Amino acid sequence: MMVIGITCGIIIVAILVMGFFEYQYTRYECANCGKLHKPKVWRWMINLPVGEWKELKCPWCGDKNWHRRNMEE
């Protein structure tokens, strides 16, 4: 029983760490104005991606549209 708990804990920590790095190094490109932006953590978590796209509101032009994910190097 303890092994299952430890395994589940390790999996949850791994998912949280991967999510942190994804959020840290990802910007989204507005389809309307082309500028890169980083959404707030709450918006990033609740908007589910469709491939490389997320429906977000651009802070620069105010357009609510599908924005393409752009990973930083």
PDB file of N, CA and C in Angstrom:
ATOM      1  N   MET A   1       0.809  -1.190   0.000  1.00  0.00           N
ATOM      2  CA  MET A   1       0.000   0.000   0.000  1.00  0.00           C
ATOM      3  C   MET A   1       0.862   1.267   0.000  1.00  0.00           C
ATOM      4  N   MET A   2       1.951   1.229   0.767  1.00  0.00           N
ATOM      5  CA  MET A   2       2.822   2.386   0.853  1.00  0.00           C
ATOM      6  C   MET A   2       3.531   2.652  -0.473  1.00  0.00           C
ATOM      7  N   VAL A   3       3.835   1.594  -1.208  1.00  0.00           N
ATOM      8  CA  VAL A   3       4.506   1.738  -2.506  1.00  0.00           C
ATOM      9  C   VAL A   3       3.611   2.483  -3.484  1.00  0.00           C
ATOM     10  N   ILE A   4       2.313   2.202  -3.459  1.00  0.00           N
ATOM     11  CA  ILE A   4       1.364   2.875  -4.349  1.00  0.00           C
ATOM     12  C   ILE A   4       1.300   4.366  -4.019  1.00  0.00           C
ATOM     13  N   GLY A   5       1.273   4.694  -2.728  1.00  0.00           N
ATOM     14  CA  GLY A   5       1.244   6.096  -2.314  1.00  0.00           C
ATOM     15  C   GLY A   5       2.486   6.854  -2.736  1.00  0.00           C
ATOM     16  N   ILE A   6       3.645   6.212  -2.558  1.00  0.00           N
ATOM     17  CA  ILE A   6       4.905   6.851  -2.958  1.00  0.00           C
ATOM     18  C   ILE A   6       4.948   7.033  -4.465  1.00  0.00           C
ATOM     19  N   THR A   7       4.510   6.034  -5.217  1.00  0.00           N
ATOM     20  CA  THR A   7       4.492   6.125  -6.683  1.00  0.00           C
ATOM     21  C   THR A   7       3.572   7.243  -7.148  1.00  0.00           C
ATOM     22  N   CYS A   8       2.379   7.328  -6.573  1.00  0.00           N
ATOM     23  CA  CYS A   8       1.454   8.404  -6.938  1.00  0.00           C
ATOM     24  C   CYS A   8       2.039   9.771  -6.596  1.00  0.00           C
ATOM     25  N   GLY A   9       2.705   9.883  -5.456  1.00  0.00           N
ATOM     26  CA  GLY A   9       3.333  11.144  -5.075  1.00  0.00           C
ATOM     27  C   GLY A   9       4.417  11.563  -6.049  1.00  0.00           C
ATOM     28  N   ILE A  10       5.233  10.604  -6.475  1.00  0.00           N
ATOM     29  CA  ILE A  10       6.292  10.900  -7.444  1.00  0.00           C
ATOM     30  C   ILE A  10       5.699  11.344  -8.770  1.00  0.00           C
ATOM     31  N   ILE A  11       4.630  10.692  -9.215  1.00  0.00           N
ATOM     32  CA  ILE A  11       3.981  11.057 -10.478  1.00  0.00           C
ATOM     33  C   ILE A  11       3.396  12.467 -10.391  1.00  0.00           C
ATOM     34  N   ILE A  12       2.753  12.790  -9.295  1.00  0.00           N
ATOM     35  CA  ILE A  12       2.163  14.129  -9.136  1.00  0.00           C
ATOM     36  C   ILE A  12       3.250  15.202  -9.125  1.00  0.00           C
ATOM     37  N   VAL A  13       4.340  14.960  -8.418  1.00  0.00           N
ATOM     38  CA  VAL A  13       5.450  15.925  -8.389  1.00  0.00           C
ATOM     39  C   VAL A  13       6.045  16.092  -9.784  1.00  0.00           C
ATOM     40  N   ALA A  14       6.206  14.991 -10.524  1.00  0.00           N
ATOM     41  CA  ALA A  14       6.755  15.073 -11.883  1.00  0.00           C
ATOM     42  C   ALA A  14       5.853  15.900 -12.791  1.00  0.00           C
ATOM     43  N   ILE A  15       4.549  15.716 -12.682  1.00  0.00           N
ATOM     44  CA  ILE A  15       3.595  16.489 -13.502  1.00  0.00           C
ATOM     45  C   ILE A  15       3.678  17.974 -13.148  1.00  0.00           C
ATOM     46  N   LEU A  16       3.767  18.294 -11.865  1.00  0.00           N
ATOM     47  CA  LEU A  16       3.875  19.696 -11.449  1.00  0.00           C
ATOM     48  C   LEU A  16       5.167  20.341 -11.944  1.00  0.00           C
ATOM     49  N   VAL A  17       6.270  19.612 -11.880  1.00  0.00           N
ATOM     50  CA  VAL A  17       7.552  20.138 -12.354  1.00  0.00           C
ATOM     51  C   VAL A  17       7.511  20.369 -13.866  1.00  0.00           C
ATOM     52  N   MET A  18       6.951  19.414 -14.616  1.00  0.00           N
ATOM     53  CA  MET A  18       6.841  19.585 -16.076  1.00  0.00           C
ATOM     54  C   MET A  18       5.952  20.774 -16.415  1.00  0.00           C
ATOM     55  N   GLY A  19       4.846  20.943 -15.686  1.00  0.00           N
ATOM     56  CA  GLY A  19       3.969  22.090 -15.911  1.00  0.00           C
ATOM     57  C   GLY A  19       4.656  23.404 -15.618  1.00  0.00           C
ATOM     58  N   PHE A  20       5.461  23.443 -14.547  1.00  0.00           N
ATOM     59  CA  PHE A  20       6.195  24.655 -14.202  1.00  0.00           C
ATOM     60  C   PHE A  20       7.149  25.049 -15.331  1.00  0.00           C
ATOM     61  N   PHE A  21       7.918  24.076 -15.842  1.00  0.00           N
ATOM     62  CA  PHE A  21       8.861  24.388 -16.910  1.00  0.00           C
ATOM     63  C   PHE A  21       8.146  24.763 -18.201  1.00  0.00           C
ATOM     64  N   GLU A  22       7.024  24.122 -18.476  1.00  0.00           N
ATOM     65  CA  GLU A  22       6.241  24.479 -19.671  1.00  0.00           C
ATOM     66  C   GLU A  22       5.785  25.925 -19.573  1.00  0.00           C
ATOM     67  N   TYR A  23       5.245  26.324 -18.415  1.00  0.00           N
ATOM     68  CA  TYR A  23       4.774  27.691 -18.251  1.00  0.00           C
ATOM     69  C   TYR A  23       5.934  28.681 -18.284  1.00  0.00           C
ATOM     70  N   GLN A  24       7.037  28.326 -17.653  1.00  0.00           N
ATOM     71  CA  GLN A  24       8.187  29.217 -17.545  1.00  0.00           C
ATOM     72  C   GLN A  24       8.784  29.574 -18.908  1.00  0.00           C
ATOM     73  N   TYR A  25       8.829  28.617 -19.822  1.00  0.00           N
ATOM     74  CA  TYR A  25       9.533  28.823 -21.091  1.00  0.00           C
ATOM     75  C   TYR A  25       8.622  28.946 -22.302  1.00  0.00           C
ATOM     76  N   THR A  26       7.342  29.134 -22.093  1.00  0.00           N
ATOM     77  CA  THR A  26       6.407  29.223 -23.213  1.00  0.00           C
ATOM     78  C   THR A  26       5.833  30.625 -23.314  1.00  0.00           C
ATOM     79  N   ARG A  27       5.813  31.145 -24.505  1.00  0.00           N
ATOM     80  CA  ARG A  27       5.124  32.398 -24.827  1.00  0.00           C
ATOM     81  C   ARG A  27       4.109  32.072 -25.917  1.00  0.00           C
ATOM     82  N   TYR A  28       3.124  32.917 -26.075  1.00  0.00           N
ATOM     83  CA  TYR A  28       2.113  32.702 -27.106  1.00  0.00           C
ATOM     84  C   TYR A  28       2.117  33.868 -28.078  1.00  0.00           C
ATOM     85  N   GLU A  29       1.983  33.546 -29.357  1.00  0.00           N
ATOM     86  CA  GLU A  29       2.006  34.555 -30.417  1.00  0.00           C
ATOM     87  C   GLU A  29       0.585  34.863 -30.844  1.00  0.00           C
ATOM     88  N   CYS A  30       0.227  36.129 -30.785  1.00  0.00           N
ATOM     89  CA  CYS A  30      -1.105  36.571 -31.191  1.00  0.00           C
ATOM     90  C   CYS A  30      -1.259  36.422 -32.705  1.00  0.00           C
ATOM     91  N   ALA A  31      -2.361  35.850 -33.134  1.00  0.00           N
ATOM     92  CA  ALA A  31      -2.618  35.687 -34.566  1.00  0.00           C
ATOM     93  C   ALA A  31      -2.953  37.020 -35.220  1.00  0.00           C
ATOM     94  N   ASN A  32      -3.423  37.989 -34.435  1.00  0.00           N
ATOM     95  CA  ASN A  32      -3.827  39.277 -34.983  1.00  0.00           C
ATOM     96  C   ASN A  32      -2.645  40.239 -35.134  1.00  0.00           C
ATOM     97  N   CYS A  33      -1.896  40.473 -34.045  1.00  0.00           N
ATOM     98  CA  CYS A  33      -0.812  41.468 -34.102  1.00  0.00           C
ATOM     99  C   CYS A  33       0.579  40.835 -34.188  1.00  0.00           C
ATOM    100  N   GLY A  34       0.712  39.534 -33.894  1.00  0.00           N
ATOM    101  CA  GLY A  34       1.988  38.847 -34.013  1.00  0.00           C
ATOM    102  C   GLY A  34       2.935  39.024 -32.837  1.00  0.00           C
ATOM    103  N   LYS A  35       2.506  39.738 -31.790  1.00  0.00           N
ATOM    104  CA  LYS A  35       3.384  39.941 -30.633  1.00  0.00           C
ATOM    105  C   LYS A  35       3.328  38.725 -29.701  1.00  0.00           C
ATOM    106  N   LEU A  36       4.449  38.492 -29.026  1.00  0.00           N
ATOM    107  CA  LEU A  36       4.523  37.399 -28.064  1.00  0.00           C
ATOM    108  C   LEU A  36       4.100  37.892 -26.686  1.00  0.00           C
ATOM    109  N   HIS A  37       3.397  37.041 -25.959  1.00  0.00           N
ATOM    110  CA  HIS A  37       3.005  37.381 -24.597  1.00  0.00           C
ATOM    111  C   HIS A  37       2.920  36.113 -23.765  1.00  0.00           C
ATOM    112  N   LYS A  38       2.912  36.304 -22.455  1.00  0.00           N
ATOM    113  CA  LYS A  38       2.796  35.199 -21.512  1.00  0.00           C
ATOM    114  C   LYS A  38       1.509  35.424 -20.720  1.00  0.00           C
ATOM    115  N   PRO A  39       0.561  34.481 -20.799  1.00  0.00           N
ATOM    116  CA  PRO A  39      -0.683  34.670 -20.050  1.00  0.00           C
ATOM    117  C   PRO A  39      -0.466  34.498 -18.556  1.00  0.00           C
ATOM    118  N   LYS A  40      -1.415  34.964 -17.759  1.00  0.00           N
ATOM    119  CA  LYS A  40      -1.350  34.753 -16.324  1.00  0.00           C
ATOM    120  C   LYS A  40      -1.493  33.260 -16.044  1.00  0.00           C
ATOM    121  N   VAL A  41      -0.960  32.822 -14.916  1.00  0.00           N
ATOM    122  CA  VAL A  41      -0.946  31.395 -14.579  1.00  0.00           C
ATOM    123  C   VAL A  41      -2.354  30.818 -14.602  1.00  0.00           C
ATOM    124  N   TRP A  42      -3.318  31.522 -14.036  1.00  0.00           N
ATOM    125  CA  TRP A  42      -4.689  31.014 -13.981  1.00  0.00           C
ATOM    126  C   TRP A  42      -5.256  30.803 -15.386  1.00  0.00           C
ATOM    127  N   ARG A  43      -5.061  31.760 -16.275  1.00  0.00           N
ATOM    128  CA  ARG A  43      -5.557  31.627 -17.656  1.00  0.00           C
ATOM    129  C   ARG A  43      -4.842  30.499 -18.377  1.00  0.00           C
ATOM    130  N   TRP A  44      -3.554  30.358 -18.110  1.00  0.00           N
ATOM    131  CA  TRP A  44      -2.780  29.299 -18.748  1.00  0.00           C
ATOM    132  C   TRP A  44      -3.285  27.933 -18.314  1.00  0.00           C
ATOM    133  N   MET A  45      -3.668  27.786 -17.034  1.00  0.00           N
ATOM    134  CA  MET A  45      -4.121  26.495 -16.524  1.00  0.00           C
ATOM    135  C   MET A  45      -5.521  26.134 -17.004  1.00  0.00           C
ATOM    136  N   ILE A  46      -6.449  27.100 -17.067  1.00  0.00           N
ATOM    137  CA  ILE A  46      -7.835  26.737 -17.376  1.00  0.00           C
ATOM    138  C   ILE A  46      -8.119  26.624 -18.871  1.00  0.00           C
ATOM    139  N   ASN A  47      -7.311  27.258 -19.718  1.00  0.00           N
ATOM    140  CA  ASN A  47      -7.520  27.149 -21.159  1.00  0.00           C
ATOM    141  C   ASN A  47      -6.777  25.936 -21.702  1.00  0.00           C
ATOM    142  N   LEU A  48      -7.530  24.947 -22.141  1.00  0.00           N
ATOM    143  CA  LEU A  48      -6.918  23.725 -22.650  1.00  0.00           C
ATOM    144  C   LEU A  48      -6.364  23.952 -24.052  1.00  0.00           C
ATOM    145  N   PRO A  49      -5.181  23.415 -24.327  1.00  0.00           N
ATOM    146  CA  PRO A  49      -4.601  23.587 -25.661  1.00  0.00           C
ATOM    147  C   PRO A  49      -5.215  22.647 -26.681  1.00  0.00           C
ATOM    148  N   VAL A  50      -5.184  23.071 -27.928  1.00  0.00           N
ATOM    149  CA  VAL A  50      -5.548  22.220 -29.063  1.00  0.00           C
ATOM    150  C   VAL A  50      -4.292  22.169 -29.917  1.00  0.00           C
ATOM    151  N   GLY A  51      -3.482  21.130 -29.712  1.00  0.00           N
ATOM    152  CA  GLY A  51      -2.181  21.061 -30.382  1.00  0.00           C
ATOM    153  C   GLY A  51      -1.274  22.150 -29.844  1.00  0.00           C
ATOM    154  N   GLU A  52      -0.827  23.030 -30.716  1.00  0.00           N
ATOM    155  CA  GLU A  52       0.043  24.146 -30.313  1.00  0.00           C
ATOM    156  C   GLU A  52      -0.748  25.421 -30.045  1.00  0.00           C
ATOM    157  N   TRP A  53      -2.058  25.362 -30.043  1.00  0.00           N
ATOM    158  CA  TRP A  53      -2.898  26.546 -29.960  1.00  0.00           C
ATOM    159  C   TRP A  53      -3.678  26.601 -28.648  1.00  0.00           C
ATOM    160  N   LYS A  54      -3.863  27.818 -28.124  1.00  0.00           N
ATOM    161  CA  LYS A  54      -4.725  28.068 -26.972  1.00  0.00           C
ATOM    162  C   LYS A  54      -5.550  29.301 -27.262  1.00  0.00           C
ATOM    163  N   GLU A  55      -6.797  29.282 -26.791  1.00  0.00           N
ATOM    164  CA  GLU A  55      -7.636  30.459 -26.966  1.00  0.00           C
ATOM    165  C   GLU A  55      -7.364  31.419 -25.809  1.00  0.00           C
ATOM    166  N   LEU A  56      -6.720  32.544 -26.131  1.00  0.00           N
ATOM    167  CA  LEU A  56      -6.318  33.532 -25.133  1.00  0.00           C
ATOM    168  C   LEU A  56      -6.663  34.932 -25.613  1.00  0.00           C
ATOM    169  N   LYS A  57      -6.629  35.881 -24.689  1.00  0.00           N
ATOM    170  CA  LYS A  57      -6.819  37.289 -25.042  1.00  0.00           C
ATOM    171  C   LYS A  57      -5.459  37.963 -25.059  1.00  0.00           C
ATOM    172  N   CYS A  58      -5.148  38.637 -26.157  1.00  0.00           N
ATOM    173  CA  CYS A  58      -3.865  39.322 -26.297  1.00  0.00           C
ATOM    174  C   CYS A  58      -3.857  40.587 -25.434  1.00  0.00           C
ATOM    175  N   PRO A  59      -2.835  40.768 -24.593  1.00  0.00           N
ATOM    176  CA  PRO A  59      -2.765  41.985 -23.781  1.00  0.00           C
ATOM    177  C   PRO A  59      -2.404  43.224 -24.596  1.00  0.00           C
ATOM    178  N   TRP A  60      -1.874  43.034 -25.790  1.00  0.00           N
ATOM    179  CA  TRP A  60      -1.450  44.168 -26.630  1.00  0.00           C
ATOM    180  C   TRP A  60      -2.597  44.724 -27.454  1.00  0.00           C
ATOM    181  N   CYS A  61      -3.309  43.862 -28.173  1.00  0.00           N
ATOM    182  CA  CYS A  61      -4.365  44.363 -29.068  1.00  0.00           C
ATOM    183  C   CYS A  61      -5.777  44.046 -28.566  1.00  0.00           C
ATOM    184  N   GLY A  62      -5.910  43.204 -27.524  1.00  0.00           N
ATOM    185  CA  GLY A  62      -7.217  42.889 -26.961  1.00  0.00           C
ATOM    186  C   GLY A  62      -7.990  41.834 -27.722  1.00  0.00           C
ATOM    187  N   ASP A  63      -7.395  41.240 -28.744  1.00  0.00           N
ATOM    188  CA  ASP A  63      -8.067  40.233 -29.557  1.00  0.00           C
ATOM    189  C   ASP A  63      -8.141  38.902 -28.813  1.00  0.00           C
ATOM    190  N   LYS A  64      -9.349  38.331 -28.714  1.00  0.00           N
ATOM    191  CA  LYS A  64      -9.495  37.008 -28.114  1.00  0.00           C
ATOM    192  C   LYS A  64      -9.595  36.014 -29.259  1.00  0.00           C
ATOM    193  N   ASN A  65      -8.515  35.262 -29.422  1.00  0.00           N
ATOM    194  CA  ASN A  65      -8.405  34.374 -30.567  1.00  0.00           C
ATOM    195  C   ASN A  65      -7.491  33.216 -30.188  1.00  0.00           C
ATOM    196  N   TRP A  66      -7.240  32.342 -31.162  1.00  0.00           N
ATOM    197  CA  TRP A  66      -6.324  31.227 -30.948  1.00  0.00           C
ATOM    198  C   TRP A  66      -4.892  31.720 -31.133  1.00  0.00           C
ATOM    199  N   HIS A  67      -4.064  31.508 -30.112  1.00  0.00           N
ATOM    200  CA  HIS A  67      -2.671  31.956 -30.121  1.00  0.00           C
ATOM    201  C   HIS A  67      -1.753  30.727 -30.184  1.00  0.00           C
ATOM    202  N   ARG A  68      -0.730  30.837 -30.987  1.00  0.00           N
ATOM    203  CA  ARG A  68       0.204  29.720 -31.190  1.00  0.00           C
ATOM    204  C   ARG A  68       1.292  29.716 -30.122  1.00  0.00           C
ATOM    205  N   ARG A  69       1.611  28.542 -29.608  1.00  0.00           N
ATOM    206  CA  ARG A  69       2.663  28.393 -28.599  1.00  0.00           C
ATOM    207  C   ARG A  69       4.029  28.593 -29.244  1.00  0.00           C
ATOM    208  N   ASN A  70       4.891  29.329 -28.549  1.00  0.00           N
ATOM    209  CA  ASN A  70       6.231  29.612 -29.019  1.00  0.00           C
ATOM    210  C   ASN A  70       7.187  29.336 -27.859  1.00  0.00           C
ATOM    211  N   MET A  71       7.973  28.281 -27.953  1.00  0.00           N
ATOM    212  CA  MET A  71       8.893  27.912 -26.873  1.00  0.00           C
ATOM    213  C   MET A  71      10.154  28.767 -26.958  1.00  0.00           C
ATOM    214  N   GLU A  72      10.603  29.306 -25.821  1.00  0.00           N
ATOM    215  CA  GLU A  72      11.848  30.064 -25.773  1.00  0.00           C
ATOM    216  C   GLU A  72      13.020  29.090 -25.780  1.00  0.00           C
ATOM    217  N   GLU A  73      14.141  29.570 -26.231  1.00  0.00           N
ATOM    218  CA  GLU A  73      15.346  28.734 -26.230  1.00  0.00           C
ATOM    219  C   GLU A  73      16.178  28.978 -25.013  1.00  0.00           C
TER     220      GLU A  73
END
